[in-house]
Amino acid sequence: MENKLWYIFLDVDGVLDDENYFMKCYNHHKVNGIMSMNHFPFNPESLYNLMILVQYIQNHDRQVKIILSSTWRLHELDIEIVKHRLAEYGLRIADKTENLGKRGDEIISFLSKNKEFENYIVLDDDIYDIKDIVINENICRTDFMEGFNNEKLLEALNIVNSIIYK
């Protein structure tokens, strides 16, 4: 039996990196910008939590594909940074959404072109252009200050459970 496919639509800023972790790094190193490679450094807790989410879905006989829906998908260097950081946790980007101007439209467009999926979850901190287009029960809204922390991981797991066991 083939595993059912789930997509994780992944934002980066406010999910994998966050203000609190950036300030912790800055206060430790006292160097602004060097370690962030033009962006905030990724929080290891958030990366670990993403890995846990992926493994949890996989442990329910689902295949998972991470789809980059962040503005980080718009520049090759940024995509490479994300790929390398995810690889440290055994994760990979399977694809990215196209640039249509509104992330909700981009997610729906991706889903309409890739119909083999069972379901999906959106991890994003800034959902103003998503919430009126995408099913709200599929959105785990993170906080730019804290990212995909343990509390948000539990919220994401609850979303997944509510979909799998409905």
N, C-alpha and C. Protein backbone atom coordinates (compact mmCIF):
# COMPACT_ATOMS: atom_id res chain seq x y z
N MET A 1 0.85 -1.19 0.00
CA MET A 1 0.00 0.00 0.00
C MET A 1 0.88 1.24 0.00
N GLU A 2 0.58 2.17 -0.88
CA GLU A 2 1.37 3.39 -1.01
C GLU A 2 0.96 4.39 0.07
N ASN A 3 1.98 5.07 0.63
CA ASN A 3 1.70 6.08 1.64
C ASN A 3 0.93 7.25 1.04
N LYS A 4 0.04 7.81 1.83
CA LYS A 4 -0.68 9.01 1.42
C LYS A 4 0.26 10.20 1.57
N LEU A 5 0.11 11.18 0.70
CA LEU A 5 1.03 12.31 0.63
C LEU A 5 0.50 13.53 1.37
N TRP A 6 1.35 14.10 2.19
CA TRP A 6 1.07 15.37 2.87
C TRP A 6 2.09 16.40 2.43
N TYR A 7 1.61 17.64 2.28
CA TYR A 7 2.51 18.77 2.03
C TYR A 7 2.62 19.60 3.30
N ILE A 8 3.83 20.06 3.57
CA ILE A 8 4.05 21.09 4.59
C ILE A 8 4.49 22.33 3.84
N PHE A 9 3.66 23.36 3.84
CA PHE A 9 4.02 24.64 3.24
C PHE A 9 4.79 25.43 4.28
N LEU A 10 6.05 25.71 3.97
CA LEU A 10 6.98 26.24 4.95
C LEU A 10 7.39 27.67 4.65
N ASP A 11 7.08 28.54 5.59
CA ASP A 11 7.64 29.89 5.62
C ASP A 11 8.95 29.78 6.39
N VAL A 12 9.84 30.74 6.28
CA VAL A 12 11.11 30.71 7.00
C VAL A 12 11.15 31.76 8.10
N ASP A 13 11.03 33.03 7.72
CA ASP A 13 11.10 34.10 8.72
C ASP A 13 9.89 34.01 9.65
N GLY A 14 10.17 33.90 10.93
CA GLY A 14 9.09 33.75 11.91
C GLY A 14 8.69 32.31 12.16
N VAL A 15 9.29 31.39 11.41
CA VAL A 15 9.06 29.96 11.63
C VAL A 15 10.39 29.30 12.02
N LEU A 16 11.34 29.31 11.10
CA LEU A 16 12.65 28.71 11.37
C LEU A 16 13.63 29.69 12.00
N ASP A 17 13.43 30.96 11.76
CA ASP A 17 14.21 31.97 12.46
C ASP A 17 13.24 32.87 13.21
N ASP A 18 13.72 33.47 14.28
CA ASP A 18 12.84 34.32 15.10
C ASP A 18 13.67 35.39 15.79
N GLU A 19 12.99 36.41 16.20
CA GLU A 19 13.63 37.57 16.83
C GLU A 19 14.38 37.19 18.11
N ASN A 20 13.77 36.38 18.96
CA ASN A 20 14.41 36.02 20.23
C ASN A 20 15.72 35.27 20.02
N TYR A 21 15.75 34.34 19.08
CA TYR A 21 16.97 33.60 18.82
C TYR A 21 18.03 34.51 18.20
N PHE A 22 17.61 35.38 17.31
CA PHE A 22 18.55 36.33 16.71
C PHE A 22 19.22 37.17 17.79
N MET A 23 18.42 37.67 18.72
CA MET A 23 18.98 38.52 19.79
C MET A 23 19.91 37.71 20.70
N LYS A 24 19.56 36.46 20.95
CA LYS A 24 20.43 35.59 21.75
C LYS A 24 21.78 35.43 21.05
N CYS A 25 21.76 35.18 19.76
CA CYS A 25 23.00 35.04 18.99
C CYS A 25 23.78 36.36 18.97
N TYR A 26 23.08 37.45 18.73
CA TYR A 26 23.73 38.75 18.68
C TYR A 26 24.37 39.08 20.03
N ASN A 27 23.66 38.86 21.10
CA ASN A 27 24.20 39.16 22.43
C ASN A 27 25.39 38.27 22.77
N HIS A 28 25.40 37.07 22.25
CA HIS A 28 26.52 36.16 22.51
C HIS A 28 27.76 36.57 21.70
N HIS A 29 27.57 36.90 20.43
CA HIS A 29 28.69 37.18 19.53
C HIS A 29 29.01 38.66 19.39
N LYS A 30 28.05 39.52 19.71
CA LYS A 30 28.21 40.98 19.60
C LYS A 30 28.61 41.42 18.18
N VAL A 31 28.15 40.65 17.20
CA VAL A 31 28.42 40.98 15.81
C VAL A 31 27.09 40.92 15.07
N ASN A 32 26.71 42.03 14.50
CA ASN A 32 25.43 42.09 13.81
C ASN A 32 25.60 41.75 12.34
N GLY A 33 24.88 40.77 11.85
CA GLY A 33 24.84 40.49 10.42
C GLY A 33 25.80 39.42 9.93
N ILE A 34 26.94 39.24 10.57
CA ILE A 34 27.94 38.30 10.08
C ILE A 34 27.40 36.88 10.02
N MET A 35 26.84 36.41 11.14
CA MET A 35 26.40 35.03 11.20
C MET A 35 25.06 34.81 10.50
N SER A 36 24.35 35.86 10.17
CA SER A 36 23.01 35.68 9.63
C SER A 36 22.96 35.56 8.11
N MET A 37 24.07 35.75 7.43
CA MET A 37 24.12 35.62 5.97
C MET A 37 22.98 36.38 5.30
N ASN A 38 22.84 37.64 5.65
CA ASN A 38 21.80 38.53 5.11
C ASN A 38 20.41 38.27 5.68
N HIS A 39 20.28 37.30 6.54
CA HIS A 39 19.01 36.96 7.17
C HIS A 39 19.27 36.55 8.60
N PHE A 40 18.23 36.37 9.34
CA PHE A 40 18.37 35.90 10.72
C PHE A 40 18.92 34.47 10.72
N PRO A 41 19.68 34.11 11.77
CA PRO A 41 20.12 32.71 11.88
C PRO A 41 18.93 31.82 12.22
N PHE A 42 18.95 30.58 11.75
CA PHE A 42 17.86 29.65 12.03
C PHE A 42 17.98 29.13 13.46
N ASN A 43 16.84 28.99 14.11
CA ASN A 43 16.79 28.51 15.48
C ASN A 43 16.82 26.97 15.46
N PRO A 44 17.82 26.36 16.10
CA PRO A 44 17.89 24.89 16.11
C PRO A 44 16.63 24.24 16.70
N GLU A 45 15.99 24.87 17.67
CA GLU A 45 14.75 24.32 18.24
C GLU A 45 13.66 24.24 17.18
N SER A 46 13.55 25.26 16.35
CA SER A 46 12.54 25.27 15.30
C SER A 46 12.83 24.22 14.24
N LEU A 47 14.09 24.07 13.87
CA LEU A 47 14.47 23.05 12.91
C LEU A 47 14.19 21.65 13.46
N TYR A 48 14.53 21.44 14.72
CA TYR A 48 14.27 20.16 15.38
C TYR A 48 12.76 19.88 15.42
N ASN A 49 11.97 20.90 15.75
CA ASN A 49 10.52 20.72 15.81
C ASN A 49 9.93 20.40 14.44
N LEU A 50 10.48 21.01 13.39
CA LEU A 50 10.03 20.67 12.04
C LEU A 50 10.33 19.20 11.74
N MET A 51 11.52 18.75 12.14
CA MET A 51 11.88 17.35 11.96
C MET A 51 10.90 16.43 12.69
N ILE A 52 10.55 16.79 13.93
CA ILE A 52 9.60 16.00 14.71
C ILE A 52 8.24 15.96 14.01
N LEU A 53 7.78 17.08 13.49
CA LEU A 53 6.50 17.13 12.78
C LEU A 53 6.53 16.21 11.57
N VAL A 54 7.59 16.29 10.78
CA VAL A 54 7.71 15.44 9.60
C VAL A 54 7.70 13.96 10.01
N GLN A 55 8.49 13.61 11.02
CA GLN A 55 8.54 12.21 11.47
C GLN A 55 7.19 11.75 12.00
N TYR A 56 6.49 12.62 12.70
CA TYR A 56 5.17 12.26 13.24
C TYR A 56 4.20 11.92 12.10
N ILE A 57 4.18 12.75 11.08
CA ILE A 57 3.29 12.49 9.94
C ILE A 57 3.71 11.19 9.25
N GLN A 58 5.01 11.00 9.07
CA GLN A 58 5.51 9.77 8.44
C GLN A 58 5.16 8.54 9.26
N ASN A 59 5.18 8.66 10.57
CA ASN A 59 4.84 7.53 11.44
C ASN A 59 3.37 7.16 11.38
N HIS A 60 2.57 7.99 10.72
CA HIS A 60 1.16 7.68 10.49
C HIS A 60 0.94 7.24 9.04
N ASP A 61 1.95 6.57 8.50
CA ASP A 61 1.90 6.01 7.14
C ASP A 61 1.60 7.06 6.08
N ARG A 62 2.22 8.21 6.24
CA ARG A 62 2.10 9.27 5.25
C ARG A 62 3.49 9.62 4.72
N GLN A 63 3.52 10.00 3.48
CA GLN A 63 4.73 10.57 2.88
C GLN A 63 4.61 12.09 3.06
N VAL A 64 5.74 12.76 3.30
CA VAL A 64 5.72 14.20 3.52
C VAL A 64 6.64 14.88 2.51
N LYS A 65 6.14 15.94 1.92
CA LYS A 65 6.96 16.80 1.06
C LYS A 65 6.90 18.22 1.60
N ILE A 66 8.07 18.79 1.83
CA ILE A 66 8.14 20.18 2.30
C ILE A 66 8.19 21.09 1.08
N ILE A 67 7.25 22.03 1.04
CA ILE A 67 7.14 22.97 -0.06
C ILE A 67 7.49 24.36 0.47
N LEU A 68 8.51 24.97 -0.09
CA LEU A 68 8.94 26.29 0.36
C LEU A 68 7.97 27.34 -0.16
N SER A 69 7.27 27.99 0.77
CA SER A 69 6.30 29.04 0.41
C SER A 69 6.78 30.41 0.87
N SER A 70 7.96 30.47 1.41
CA SER A 70 8.56 31.68 1.94
C SER A 70 9.13 32.56 0.82
N THR A 71 9.34 33.83 1.11
CA THR A 71 10.03 34.68 0.14
C THR A 71 11.46 34.20 -0.08
N TRP A 72 11.96 33.34 0.78
CA TRP A 72 13.29 32.75 0.60
C TRP A 72 13.35 31.93 -0.70
N ARG A 73 12.21 31.56 -1.27
CA ARG A 73 12.18 30.77 -2.50
C ARG A 73 12.51 31.61 -3.72
N LEU A 74 12.57 32.94 -3.56
CA LEU A 74 12.72 33.84 -4.71
C LEU A 74 14.17 34.03 -5.15
N HIS A 75 15.13 33.61 -4.33
CA HIS A 75 16.55 33.81 -4.65
C HIS A 75 17.30 32.50 -4.45
N GLU A 76 18.09 32.12 -5.42
CA GLU A 76 18.80 30.84 -5.39
C GLU A 76 19.68 30.69 -4.15
N LEU A 77 20.38 31.75 -3.75
CA LEU A 77 21.23 31.67 -2.57
C LEU A 77 20.41 31.35 -1.33
N ASP A 78 19.27 32.00 -1.19
CA ASP A 78 18.40 31.76 -0.04
C ASP A 78 17.88 30.32 -0.04
N ILE A 79 17.51 29.81 -1.21
CA ILE A 79 17.03 28.43 -1.31
C ILE A 79 18.13 27.47 -0.87
N GLU A 80 19.34 27.73 -1.30
CA GLU A 80 20.47 26.88 -0.91
C GLU A 80 20.71 26.90 0.60
N ILE A 81 20.58 28.07 1.21
CA ILE A 81 20.74 28.17 2.66
C ILE A 81 19.69 27.30 3.36
N VAL A 82 18.44 27.43 2.93
CA VAL A 82 17.36 26.64 3.54
C VAL A 82 17.64 25.15 3.33
N LYS A 83 17.99 24.76 2.12
CA LYS A 83 18.27 23.35 1.84
C LYS A 83 19.35 22.79 2.77
N HIS A 84 20.42 23.55 2.93
CA HIS A 84 21.53 23.07 3.76
C HIS A 84 21.16 22.99 5.23
N ARG A 85 20.42 23.96 5.70
CA ARG A 85 20.01 23.92 7.12
C ARG A 85 19.03 22.78 7.37
N LEU A 86 18.10 22.55 6.47
CA LEU A 86 17.16 21.43 6.63
C LEU A 86 17.89 20.09 6.55
N ALA A 87 18.89 20.00 5.68
CA ALA A 87 19.64 18.76 5.52
C ALA A 87 20.32 18.34 6.82
N GLU A 88 20.69 19.30 7.64
CA GLU A 88 21.29 19.00 8.94
C GLU A 88 20.34 18.19 9.84
N TYR A 89 19.06 18.24 9.54
CA TYR A 89 18.03 17.53 10.31
C TYR A 89 17.38 16.42 9.50
N GLY A 90 18.02 16.05 8.41
CA GLY A 90 17.50 14.97 7.57
C GLY A 90 16.28 15.36 6.76
N LEU A 91 16.10 16.65 6.53
CA LEU A 91 14.93 17.16 5.80
C LEU A 91 15.36 17.75 4.47
N ARG A 92 14.41 17.81 3.55
CA ARG A 92 14.71 18.42 2.26
C ARG A 92 13.49 19.15 1.70
N ILE A 93 13.78 20.15 0.90
CA ILE A 93 12.73 20.88 0.18
C ILE A 93 12.39 20.05 -1.07
N ALA A 94 11.12 19.73 -1.25
CA ALA A 94 10.69 18.97 -2.42
C ALA A 94 10.35 19.89 -3.59
N ASP A 95 9.87 21.09 -3.26
CA ASP A 95 9.43 22.00 -4.31
C ASP A 95 9.21 23.37 -3.69
N LYS A 96 8.78 24.32 -4.49
CA LYS A 96 8.46 25.65 -3.99
C LYS A 96 7.22 26.15 -4.73
N THR A 97 6.53 27.07 -4.08
CA THR A 97 5.36 27.68 -4.73
C THR A 97 5.85 28.72 -5.73
N GLU A 98 5.01 28.99 -6.71
CA GLU A 98 5.36 30.03 -7.68
C GLU A 98 5.03 31.40 -7.09
N ASN A 99 5.56 32.44 -7.67
CA ASN A 99 5.36 33.80 -7.17
C ASN A 99 4.17 34.44 -7.88
N LEU A 100 3.03 34.47 -7.18
CA LEU A 100 1.81 35.08 -7.72
C LEU A 100 1.43 36.35 -6.97
N GLY A 101 2.17 36.68 -5.92
CA GLY A 101 1.89 37.90 -5.17
C GLY A 101 1.17 37.70 -3.85
N LYS A 102 0.31 36.68 -3.77
CA LYS A 102 -0.39 36.36 -2.52
C LYS A 102 -0.10 34.91 -2.18
N ARG A 103 0.41 34.68 -0.97
CA ARG A 103 0.81 33.32 -0.62
C ARG A 103 -0.35 32.35 -0.59
N GLY A 104 -1.53 32.81 -0.21
CA GLY A 104 -2.69 31.93 -0.25
C GLY A 104 -2.98 31.45 -1.66
N ASP A 105 -2.93 32.37 -2.62
CA ASP A 105 -3.13 32.00 -4.03
C ASP A 105 -2.04 31.04 -4.50
N GLU A 106 -0.81 31.28 -4.03
CA GLU A 106 0.32 30.43 -4.43
C GLU A 106 0.14 29.00 -3.91
N ILE A 107 -0.35 28.88 -2.67
CA ILE A 107 -0.58 27.56 -2.09
C ILE A 107 -1.71 26.84 -2.83
N ILE A 108 -2.82 27.53 -3.06
CA ILE A 108 -3.95 26.92 -3.78
C ILE A 108 -3.54 26.53 -5.20
N SER A 109 -2.77 27.38 -5.86
CA SER A 109 -2.29 27.06 -7.20
C SER A 109 -1.41 25.80 -7.18
N PHE A 110 -0.53 25.72 -6.19
CA PHE A 110 0.32 24.53 -6.07
C PHE A 110 -0.53 23.28 -5.87
N LEU A 111 -1.50 23.37 -4.98
CA LEU A 111 -2.36 22.21 -4.70
C LEU A 111 -3.16 21.80 -5.94
N SER A 112 -3.62 22.78 -6.71
CA SER A 112 -4.42 22.44 -7.89
C SER A 112 -3.57 21.78 -8.98
N LYS A 113 -2.27 22.06 -9.00
CA LYS A 113 -1.37 21.47 -10.00
C LYS A 113 -0.77 20.15 -9.52
N ASN A 114 -0.89 19.87 -8.23
CA ASN A 114 -0.30 18.66 -7.64
C ASN A 114 -1.38 17.96 -6.84
N LYS A 115 -2.26 17.29 -7.52
CA LYS A 115 -3.49 16.77 -6.92
C LYS A 115 -3.34 15.44 -6.20
N GLU A 116 -2.15 14.87 -6.17
CA GLU A 116 -1.99 13.53 -5.58
C GLU A 116 -1.91 13.54 -4.06
N PHE A 117 -2.09 14.66 -3.42
CA PHE A 117 -1.93 14.77 -1.98
C PHE A 117 -3.20 14.38 -1.23
N GLU A 118 -3.00 13.94 0.02
CA GLU A 118 -4.12 13.68 0.92
C GLU A 118 -4.50 14.95 1.66
N ASN A 119 -3.50 15.62 2.22
CA ASN A 119 -3.76 16.84 2.97
C ASN A 119 -2.48 17.65 3.12
N TYR A 120 -2.57 18.75 3.87
CA TYR A 120 -1.43 19.66 4.01
C TYR A 120 -1.56 20.45 5.29
N ILE A 121 -0.44 21.07 5.67
CA ILE A 121 -0.41 22.00 6.78
C ILE A 121 0.47 23.18 6.36
N VAL A 122 0.09 24.37 6.79
CA VAL A 122 0.83 25.59 6.49
C VAL A 122 1.48 26.07 7.79
N LEU A 123 2.81 26.27 7.76
CA LEU A 123 3.53 26.85 8.89
C LEU A 123 3.97 28.25 8.48
N ASP A 124 3.38 29.26 9.12
CA ASP A 124 3.66 30.64 8.72
C ASP A 124 3.32 31.57 9.88
N ASP A 125 4.06 32.67 9.98
CA ASP A 125 3.78 33.65 11.03
C ASP A 125 2.92 34.80 10.53
N ASP A 126 2.90 34.99 9.23
CA ASP A 126 2.24 36.15 8.65
C ASP A 126 1.18 35.66 7.68
N ILE A 127 -0.04 35.49 8.18
CA ILE A 127 -1.07 34.79 7.38
C ILE A 127 -2.11 35.73 6.77
N TYR A 128 -1.83 37.04 6.75
CA TYR A 128 -2.82 37.99 6.24
C TYR A 128 -3.25 37.69 4.81
N ASP A 129 -2.34 37.17 3.99
CA ASP A 129 -2.70 36.86 2.60
C ASP A 129 -2.89 35.36 2.37
N ILE A 130 -3.09 34.62 3.48
CA ILE A 130 -3.33 33.19 3.40
C ILE A 130 -4.69 32.82 3.97
N LYS A 131 -5.03 33.41 5.12
CA LYS A 131 -6.17 32.96 5.93
C LYS A 131 -7.52 33.03 5.22
N ASP A 132 -7.69 33.93 4.27
CA ASP A 132 -8.98 34.03 3.59
C ASP A 132 -9.06 33.13 2.36
N ILE A 133 -7.96 32.45 2.05
CA ILE A 133 -7.89 31.63 0.83
C ILE A 133 -7.72 30.15 1.17
N VAL A 134 -6.89 29.86 2.17
CA VAL A 134 -6.56 28.49 2.56
C VAL A 134 -7.45 28.10 3.73
N ILE A 135 -7.77 26.81 3.83
CA ILE A 135 -8.57 26.31 4.95
C ILE A 135 -7.87 26.64 6.26
N ASN A 136 -8.51 27.43 7.11
CA ASN A 136 -7.87 27.91 8.34
C ASN A 136 -7.47 26.78 9.29
N GLU A 137 -8.19 25.67 9.27
CA GLU A 137 -7.85 24.54 10.13
C GLU A 137 -6.53 23.91 9.76
N ASN A 138 -5.99 24.25 8.60
CA ASN A 138 -4.72 23.70 8.13
C ASN A 138 -3.54 24.64 8.38
N ILE A 139 -3.80 25.75 9.05
CA ILE A 139 -2.75 26.75 9.28
C ILE A 139 -2.28 26.71 10.73
N CYS A 140 -0.97 26.58 10.90
CA CYS A 140 -0.35 26.73 12.22
C CYS A 140 0.39 28.06 12.18
N ARG A 141 -0.18 29.04 12.85
CA ARG A 141 0.40 30.39 12.83
C ARG A 141 1.43 30.52 13.95
N THR A 142 2.67 30.75 13.53
CA THR A 142 3.75 30.95 14.48
C THR A 142 3.85 32.43 14.83
N ASP A 143 4.79 32.76 15.68
CA ASP A 143 5.01 34.13 16.12
C ASP A 143 6.42 34.54 15.73
N PHE A 144 6.58 35.71 15.12
CA PHE A 144 7.89 36.16 14.66
C PHE A 144 8.91 36.23 15.80
N MET A 145 8.45 36.50 17.01
CA MET A 145 9.35 36.58 18.15
C MET A 145 9.85 35.21 18.59
N GLU A 146 9.05 34.16 18.40
CA GLU A 146 9.38 32.86 18.97
C GLU A 146 9.51 31.72 17.97
N GLY A 147 9.04 31.88 16.75
CA GLY A 147 9.20 30.85 15.73
C GLY A 147 8.41 29.58 16.02
N PHE A 148 8.87 28.49 15.42
CA PHE A 148 8.20 27.18 15.54
C PHE A 148 8.71 26.50 16.81
N ASN A 149 8.29 27.06 17.94
CA ASN A 149 8.72 26.56 19.26
C ASN A 149 7.91 25.33 19.65
N ASN A 150 8.14 24.83 20.86
CA ASN A 150 7.46 23.61 21.32
C ASN A 150 5.94 23.78 21.38
N GLU A 151 5.49 24.94 21.79
CA GLU A 151 4.04 25.21 21.84
C GLU A 151 3.43 25.11 20.44
N LYS A 152 4.11 25.67 19.46
CA LYS A 152 3.59 25.63 18.08
C LYS A 152 3.71 24.22 17.49
N LEU A 153 4.73 23.48 17.90
CA LEU A 153 4.82 22.09 17.47
C LEU A 153 3.60 21.31 17.95
N LEU A 154 3.23 21.50 19.21
CA LEU A 154 2.04 20.81 19.74
C LEU A 154 0.79 21.23 18.97
N GLU A 155 0.69 22.50 18.64
CA GLU A 155 -0.45 22.98 17.85
C GLU A 155 -0.47 22.31 16.48
N ALA A 156 0.69 22.22 15.84
CA ALA A 156 0.77 21.57 14.53
C ALA A 156 0.40 20.10 14.62
N LEU A 157 0.87 19.42 15.66
CA LEU A 157 0.53 18.01 15.85
C LEU A 157 -0.97 17.83 16.06
N ASN A 158 -1.59 18.75 16.78
CA ASN A 158 -3.04 18.71 16.96
C ASN A 158 -3.78 18.91 15.64
N ILE A 159 -3.26 19.79 14.80
CA ILE A 159 -3.86 20.01 13.48
C ILE A 159 -3.78 18.72 12.67
N VAL A 160 -2.61 18.11 12.65
CA VAL A 160 -2.42 16.87 11.91
C VAL A 160 -3.35 15.79 12.43
N ASN A 161 -3.41 15.63 13.76
CA ASN A 161 -4.29 14.61 14.35
C ASN A 161 -5.75 14.86 14.00
N SER A 162 -6.17 16.12 14.05
CA SER A 162 -7.58 16.42 13.76
C SER A 162 -7.94 16.08 12.32
N ILE A 163 -6.96 16.17 11.43
CA ILE A 163 -7.21 15.85 10.03
C ILE A 163 -7.15 14.34 9.81
N ILE A 164 -6.13 13.69 10.37
CA ILE A 164 -5.96 12.25 10.17
C ILE A 164 -7.11 11.46 10.80
N TYR A 165 -7.54 11.89 11.99
CA TYR A 165 -8.53 11.11 12.74
C TYR A 165 -9.96 11.64 12.64
N LYS A 166 -10.24 12.48 11.64
CA LYS A 166 -11.63 12.97 11.53
C LYS A 166 -12.55 11.98 10.90
